[in-house]
Amino acid sequence: MTQRYLVTGGAGFIGSHIAEALLRQGQEVIVIDNLATGKKSHLEVLMRVAATPAVQEKGGSLCFVQGDLRDFSGLQEVVRGVDFILHQAALPSVARSLEDPQTTSQVNIEGTLNLLVAAYEARVKRFVYASSSSVYGDSPVLPKHEDMPPQPLSPYAVSKLAGEQYCRVFAHVYGLETVSLRYFNVFGPRQNPYAQYAAVIPRFIHQILNGERPVVYGDGEQSRDFSYIDNIVQANLLALEAPEVSGMVCNIACGERITLNELLQELGKIFGQRIQAEYTTPRPGDVKHSQADISRARQLLRYRPIVGFAEGLRRTVAYIRQMEKERPER
């Protein structure tokens, strides 16, 4: 049966992949995005998918609303009649939040609260929230598990933790079913390599393709649990249906730890060259090591990583290589 799904931030990297997966299932998808960091090109991809005979035959459809999480009355209008919400919209980046903590708070905390209230009023069946591994801070304990005390090191991390807490409260006090997914270093096609606050994998690939030395903040021994986009999409779809998870938080990653130096080595294999990096001062707010314990997601969501790091990296390089070829001369 076709149901109505609202994907906030659906013109963004993660949101557009989730919206596409729902469309291919034949669902009715509403995307809301203010296009501050989302891309019209991602919406064009979604429109092409929605127009395919396979999606049309299943009853899938796409509606785009250009709107802002801070506009409560606008959200109330959009959420009316929605069955499920996948809340991916946020003002991302630790670095950005350090420069402008107030806007980060307004979008990520107040915006999430607005959406939760609108969802409760509209009797939404389930609300899936995109949280972040940044809430763990720089605790030396590895792997990170959900029962660890949060120790956020940036306004961005604080904002994501506040969103989780609001989701928990709305589940326990108001009966709105919520699930919070703590993403660990997501990467893949459609991630912007040109943004001022670009994530490390697309930034490295862009620099290599342009004959530049990748810039590493620190000694390169900091580690991350890099998670390919298909794994994150799978987790969101599972979180919509899993029983007895309301109010819960789950880590979503691969359960592996890869240093930036190992990332550079893997990129060297793909490009067939030895990558020479430029090492510089560590950035404030950056976490040294990150690795997820994904046993809770395995148990409660039946989540299993479906694309490994090396394969995901190859797909991402191929995508950004094609982007570079098609990019107009600046």
Protein backbone atom coordinates (compact mmCIF):
# COMPACT_ATOMS: atom_id res chain seq x y z
CA MET A 1 0.00 0.00 0.00
CA THR A 2 1.33 3.41 -0.97
CA GLN A 3 1.93 5.69 2.00
CA ARG A 4 3.04 9.29 2.34
CA TYR A 5 6.60 10.02 3.48
CA LEU A 6 8.12 13.39 4.27
CA VAL A 7 11.90 13.61 3.79
CA THR A 8 13.32 16.81 5.24
CA GLY A 9 16.55 17.90 3.58
CA GLY A 10 15.54 15.72 0.63
CA ALA A 11 17.58 17.81 -1.81
CA GLY A 12 20.70 17.06 0.20
CA PHE A 13 23.22 14.24 0.04
CA ILE A 14 21.62 11.71 2.39
CA GLY A 15 18.04 12.90 2.06
CA SER A 16 17.98 12.58 -1.74
CA HIS A 17 19.19 8.96 -1.56
CA ILE A 18 16.47 8.11 0.99
CA ALA A 19 13.81 9.85 -1.12
CA GLU A 20 14.99 7.94 -4.20
CA ALA A 21 14.77 4.60 -2.39
CA LEU A 22 11.21 5.37 -1.26
CA LEU A 23 10.20 6.41 -4.77
CA ARG A 24 11.54 3.14 -6.17
CA GLN A 25 9.33 1.33 -3.66
CA GLY A 26 6.35 3.16 -5.18
CA GLN A 27 5.75 5.48 -2.23
CA GLU A 28 4.32 8.99 -2.17
CA VAL A 29 7.29 11.21 -1.27
CA ILE A 30 7.26 14.85 -0.16
CA VAL A 31 10.63 16.57 -0.04
CA ILE A 32 11.09 19.76 1.94
CA ASP A 33 14.35 21.69 1.64
CA ASN A 34 15.32 25.35 1.82
CA LEU A 35 18.16 24.70 -0.67
CA ALA A 36 20.72 26.32 1.63
CA THR A 37 22.94 23.26 1.23
CA GLY A 38 20.62 21.05 -0.83
CA LYS A 39 21.00 20.93 -4.61
CA LYS A 40 18.49 21.45 -7.41
CA SER A 41 20.44 18.83 -9.37
CA HIS A 42 19.49 16.24 -6.74
CA LEU A 43 15.84 17.18 -7.13
CA GLU A 44 16.19 16.76 -10.90
CA VAL A 45 17.47 13.22 -10.31
CA LEU A 46 14.45 12.50 -8.09
CA MET A 47 12.07 13.92 -10.69
CA ARG A 48 13.54 11.64 -13.35
CA VAL A 49 13.17 8.64 -11.05
CA ALA A 50 9.56 9.60 -10.22
CA ALA A 51 8.76 9.80 -13.94
CA THR A 52 10.00 6.28 -14.76
CA PRO A 53 7.34 3.73 -15.75
CA ALA A 54 8.39 1.35 -12.94
CA VAL A 55 7.74 4.00 -10.27
CA GLN A 56 4.57 5.25 -11.94
CA GLU A 57 3.13 1.73 -12.14
CA LYS A 58 3.70 1.24 -8.41
CA GLY A 59 1.94 4.53 -7.62
CA GLY A 60 5.05 6.45 -6.56
CA SER A 61 5.03 10.23 -6.73
CA LEU A 62 7.21 13.19 -5.78
CA CYS A 63 6.29 16.62 -4.42
CA PHE A 64 8.89 19.28 -3.64
CA VAL A 65 8.28 22.06 -1.11
CA GLN A 66 10.84 24.81 -0.69
CA GLY A 67 10.54 25.53 3.00
CA ASP A 68 12.43 26.08 6.23
CA LEU A 69 12.32 24.17 9.52
CA ARG A 70 12.10 27.47 11.37
CA ASP A 71 8.71 28.21 9.74
CA PHE A 72 6.36 26.35 12.08
CA SER A 73 3.10 27.19 10.31
CA GLY A 74 4.64 26.12 7.00
CA LEU A 75 5.69 22.81 8.55
CA GLN A 76 2.20 22.22 9.91
CA GLU A 77 0.85 22.55 6.38
CA VAL A 78 3.42 20.19 4.86
CA VAL A 79 3.09 17.51 7.56
CA ARG A 80 -0.70 17.29 7.35
CA GLY A 81 -1.62 13.84 5.99
CA VAL A 82 1.93 12.44 6.24
CA ASP A 83 2.38 8.87 7.54
CA PHE A 84 6.14 8.86 8.18
CA ILE A 85 8.87 11.50 8.57
CA LEU A 86 12.57 10.97 7.88
CA HIS A 87 14.22 14.06 9.31
CA GLN A 88 17.55 14.55 7.52
CA ALA A 89 17.56 18.35 7.30
CA ALA A 90 20.20 20.16 9.35
CA LEU A 91 22.85 22.81 9.13
CA PRO A 92 25.85 20.47 8.97
CA SER A 93 29.53 20.79 9.87
CA VAL A 94 31.39 21.08 13.16
CA ALA A 95 33.52 23.90 11.73
CA ARG A 96 30.49 25.91 10.62
CA SER A 97 28.88 25.53 14.04
CA LEU A 98 31.99 26.88 15.76
CA GLU A 99 31.81 29.99 13.58
CA ASP A 100 28.03 30.45 13.89
CA PRO A 101 26.58 28.53 16.85
CA GLN A 102 23.35 30.53 16.94
CA THR A 103 22.18 29.62 13.45
CA THR A 104 23.18 26.00 14.06
CA SER A 105 20.96 25.99 17.14
CA GLN A 106 18.05 27.71 15.41
CA VAL A 107 18.00 25.23 12.51
CA ASN A 108 19.01 22.01 14.22
CA ILE A 109 17.36 22.35 17.64
CA GLU A 110 14.41 24.70 17.16
CA GLY A 111 13.74 23.32 13.68
CA THR A 112 13.65 19.76 14.99
CA LEU A 113 11.32 20.76 17.82
CA ASN A 114 9.00 22.50 15.35
CA LEU A 115 8.89 19.36 13.23
CA LEU A 116 8.21 17.10 16.22
CA VAL A 117 5.30 19.27 17.35
CA ALA A 118 3.87 19.31 13.82
CA ALA A 119 4.31 15.53 13.59
CA TYR A 120 2.51 14.98 16.90
CA GLU A 121 -0.36 17.23 15.86
CA ALA A 122 -0.67 15.38 12.52
CA ARG A 123 -0.59 11.93 14.19
CA VAL A 124 2.45 10.81 12.18
CA LYS A 125 3.09 7.07 12.62
CA ARG A 126 6.87 7.28 13.06
CA PHE A 127 9.58 9.95 13.08
CA VAL A 128 13.14 8.87 12.15
CA TYR A 129 15.80 11.39 13.18
CA ALA A 130 19.28 11.75 11.71
CA SER A 131 21.70 12.20 14.59
CA SER A 132 25.50 12.09 14.61
CA SER A 133 28.44 10.25 16.14
CA SER A 134 29.75 13.69 17.14
CA VAL A 135 27.60 13.48 20.29
CA TYR A 136 30.16 11.06 21.78
CA GLY A 137 32.91 13.66 21.73
CA ASP A 138 36.50 12.57 22.24
CA SER A 139 36.02 9.76 24.74
CA PRO A 140 38.92 7.27 24.45
CA VAL A 141 36.51 4.34 24.78
CA LEU A 142 36.18 2.36 21.54
CA PRO A 143 33.95 1.25 20.03
CA LYS A 144 31.33 3.85 20.92
CA HIS A 145 28.10 2.37 22.27
CA GLU A 146 24.78 4.09 22.83
CA ASP A 147 24.87 3.83 26.63
CA MET A 148 28.05 5.92 26.90
CA PRO A 149 27.58 9.40 28.40
CA PRO A 150 27.57 11.99 25.58
CA GLN A 151 30.42 14.50 25.60
CA PRO A 152 29.80 16.87 22.67
CA LEU A 153 32.72 19.10 21.68
CA SER A 154 30.98 21.49 19.28
CA PRO A 155 27.71 23.40 18.93
CA TYR A 156 26.83 21.04 16.06
CA ALA A 157 27.22 18.01 18.34
CA VAL A 158 25.16 19.73 21.06
CA SER A 159 22.41 20.44 18.54
CA LYS A 160 22.27 16.81 17.43
CA LEU A 161 22.14 15.57 21.01
CA ALA A 162 19.34 18.02 21.81
CA GLY A 163 17.38 16.66 18.85
CA GLU A 164 17.79 13.13 20.18
CA GLN A 165 16.55 14.16 23.60
CA TYR A 166 13.51 15.87 22.14
CA CYS A 167 12.76 12.70 20.15
CA ARG A 168 13.01 10.62 23.33
CA VAL A 169 10.70 12.99 25.21
CA PHE A 170 8.11 13.03 22.43
CA ALA A 171 8.14 9.22 22.40
CA HIS A 172 7.79 8.79 26.17
CA VAL A 173 5.57 11.76 26.99
CA TYR A 174 3.46 12.29 23.87
CA GLY A 175 3.45 8.79 22.38
CA LEU A 176 4.94 9.87 19.04
CA GLU A 177 7.05 6.96 17.80
CA THR A 178 10.62 8.18 17.21
CA VAL A 179 13.92 6.51 16.33
CA SER A 180 17.27 8.36 16.38
CA LEU A 181 20.08 7.10 14.15
CA ARG A 182 23.64 8.20 14.98
CA TYR A 183 25.45 8.31 11.64
CA PHE A 184 29.21 7.81 11.52
CA ASN A 185 31.04 9.64 8.70
CA VAL A 186 28.71 9.00 5.78
CA PHE A 187 30.16 9.22 2.26
CA GLY A 188 29.16 8.46 -1.31
CA PRO A 189 27.77 9.91 -4.55
CA ARG A 190 26.06 13.35 -4.34
CA GLN A 191 28.21 14.47 -1.42
CA ASN A 192 29.50 17.93 -2.30
CA PRO A 193 33.31 18.01 -2.75
CA TYR A 194 33.36 21.77 -3.42
CA ALA A 195 31.65 23.09 -0.29
CA GLN A 196 33.55 25.27 2.17
CA TYR A 197 32.96 22.60 4.83
CA ALA A 198 33.27 19.55 2.58
CA ALA A 199 33.66 16.17 4.29
CA VAL A 200 37.09 14.56 4.15
CA ILE A 201 36.50 11.85 1.51
CA PRO A 202 35.01 14.04 -1.25
CA ARG A 203 37.52 16.79 -0.40
CA PHE A 204 40.49 14.42 -0.76
CA ILE A 205 39.16 13.01 -4.04
CA HIS A 206 38.60 16.49 -5.47
CA GLN A 207 42.10 17.59 -4.46
CA ILE A 208 43.71 14.50 -6.00
CA LEU A 209 41.77 14.85 -9.26
CA ASN A 210 42.99 18.44 -9.51
CA GLY A 211 46.64 17.57 -8.91
CA GLU A 212 46.65 19.03 -5.39
CA ARG A 213 48.04 17.50 -2.22
CA PRO A 214 45.20 16.48 0.12
CA VAL A 215 45.23 18.60 3.27
CA VAL A 216 45.21 16.59 6.52
CA TYR A 217 44.44 18.43 9.76
CA GLY A 218 46.73 16.64 12.23
CA ASP A 219 49.02 13.65 11.77
CA GLY A 220 46.58 11.53 9.77
CA GLU A 221 46.34 8.90 12.51
CA GLN A 222 42.88 10.11 13.54
CA SER A 223 40.38 7.40 12.65
CA ARG A 224 36.79 7.25 11.46
CA ASP A 225 34.10 4.63 10.92
CA PHE A 226 33.38 5.55 7.30
CA SER A 227 29.88 4.48 6.23
CA TYR A 228 28.79 4.28 2.59
CA ILE A 229 25.46 5.92 1.77
CA ASP A 230 23.63 2.68 0.86
CA ASN A 231 24.11 1.46 4.44
CA ILE A 232 22.52 4.62 5.83
CA VAL A 233 19.56 4.39 3.45
CA GLN A 234 19.00 0.77 4.49
CA ALA A 235 19.06 1.74 8.17
CA ASN A 236 16.44 4.44 7.67
CA LEU A 237 14.08 2.10 5.82
CA LEU A 238 14.49 -0.53 8.54
CA ALA A 239 13.89 2.07 11.27
CA LEU A 240 10.52 2.89 9.73
CA GLU A 241 9.23 -0.64 10.30
CA ALA A 242 11.15 -2.15 13.23
CA PRO A 243 8.96 -3.03 16.23
CA GLU A 244 9.56 -1.86 19.80
CA VAL A 245 12.21 0.76 19.02
CA SER A 246 10.30 3.93 19.85
CA GLY A 247 12.42 6.41 21.79
CA MET A 248 15.61 4.45 21.04
CA VAL A 249 18.98 5.58 19.66
CA CYS A 250 21.04 3.36 17.33
CA ASN A 251 24.55 3.73 15.92
CA ILE A 252 24.66 3.36 12.14
CA ALA A 253 28.07 2.57 10.66
CA CYS A 254 30.22 -0.40 9.64
CA GLY A 255 31.89 -1.06 12.97
CA GLU A 256 35.36 -0.44 11.52
CA ARG A 257 38.10 2.08 12.24
CA ILE A 258 40.11 3.57 9.36
CA THR A 259 42.76 6.27 9.77
CA LEU A 260 43.07 9.15 7.32
CA ASN A 261 46.49 7.80 6.35
CA GLU A 262 44.85 4.45 5.51
CA LEU A 263 42.21 6.34 3.53
CA LEU A 264 44.98 8.00 1.52
CA GLN A 265 46.60 4.61 0.89
CA GLU A 266 43.29 3.20 -0.37
CA LEU A 267 42.82 6.22 -2.63
CA GLY A 268 46.37 5.66 -3.92
CA LYS A 269 45.38 2.12 -4.96
CA ILE A 270 42.32 3.42 -6.82
CA PHE A 271 44.23 6.22 -8.58
CA GLY A 272 47.30 4.07 -9.17
CA GLN A 273 49.67 6.54 -7.54
CA ARG A 274 51.27 7.33 -4.21
CA ILE A 275 49.33 10.16 -2.59
CA GLN A 276 51.45 12.86 -0.96
CA ALA A 277 49.45 14.71 1.68
CA GLU A 278 50.01 18.11 3.28
CA TYR A 279 49.79 17.88 7.07
CA THR A 280 48.74 20.90 9.08
CA THR A 281 47.41 21.95 12.51
CA PRO A 282 44.47 19.94 13.94
CA ARG A 283 41.12 21.75 13.91
CA PRO A 284 39.31 22.64 17.15
CA GLY A 285 36.28 20.46 17.87
CA ASP A 286 37.54 17.54 15.78
CA VAL A 287 37.35 14.09 17.37
CA LYS A 288 40.53 11.97 17.36
CA HIS A 289 39.04 8.48 17.03
CA SER A 290 35.61 7.20 16.11
CA GLN A 291 34.28 3.66 15.77
CA ALA A 292 30.76 2.37 16.27
CA ASP A 293 29.40 -0.57 18.16
CA ILE A 294 26.52 -1.51 15.84
CA SER A 295 25.20 -4.46 17.84
CA ARG A 296 22.04 -2.58 18.89
CA ALA A 297 21.17 -1.72 15.29
CA ARG A 298 21.83 -5.33 14.29
CA GLN A 299 19.52 -6.60 17.03
CA LEU A 300 16.69 -4.06 16.95
CA LEU A 301 16.67 -2.96 13.31
CA ARG A 302 18.11 -6.12 11.71
CA TYR A 303 20.66 -3.75 10.16
CA ARG A 304 23.67 -5.16 8.30
CA PRO A 305 26.21 -3.06 6.33
CA ILE A 306 25.68 -3.97 2.68
CA VAL A 307 28.55 -2.02 1.05
CA GLY A 308 32.05 -2.09 2.52
CA PHE A 309 34.51 0.79 2.72
CA ALA A 310 36.75 -0.15 -0.23
CA GLU A 311 33.85 -0.76 -2.63
CA GLY A 312 32.09 2.42 -1.48
CA LEU A 313 35.27 4.42 -2.02
CA ARG A 314 35.62 3.09 -5.57
CA ARG A 315 32.03 4.08 -6.36
CA THR A 316 32.56 7.52 -4.86
CA VAL A 317 35.76 8.17 -6.82
CA ALA A 318 33.98 7.16 -10.05
CA TYR A 319 31.11 9.54 -9.28
CA ILE A 320 33.30 12.55 -8.44
CA ARG A 321 35.56 11.85 -11.43
CA GLN A 322 32.48 12.09 -13.65
CA MET A 323 31.36 15.26 -11.82
CA GLU A 324 34.74 16.86 -12.51
CA LYS A 325 34.47 16.01 -16.23
CA GLU A 326 30.99 17.54 -16.49
CA ARG A 327 31.73 20.59 -14.34
CA PRO A 328 31.78 23.85 -16.35
CA GLU A 329 35.08 25.70 -16.50
CA ARG A 330 35.26 28.27 -13.73
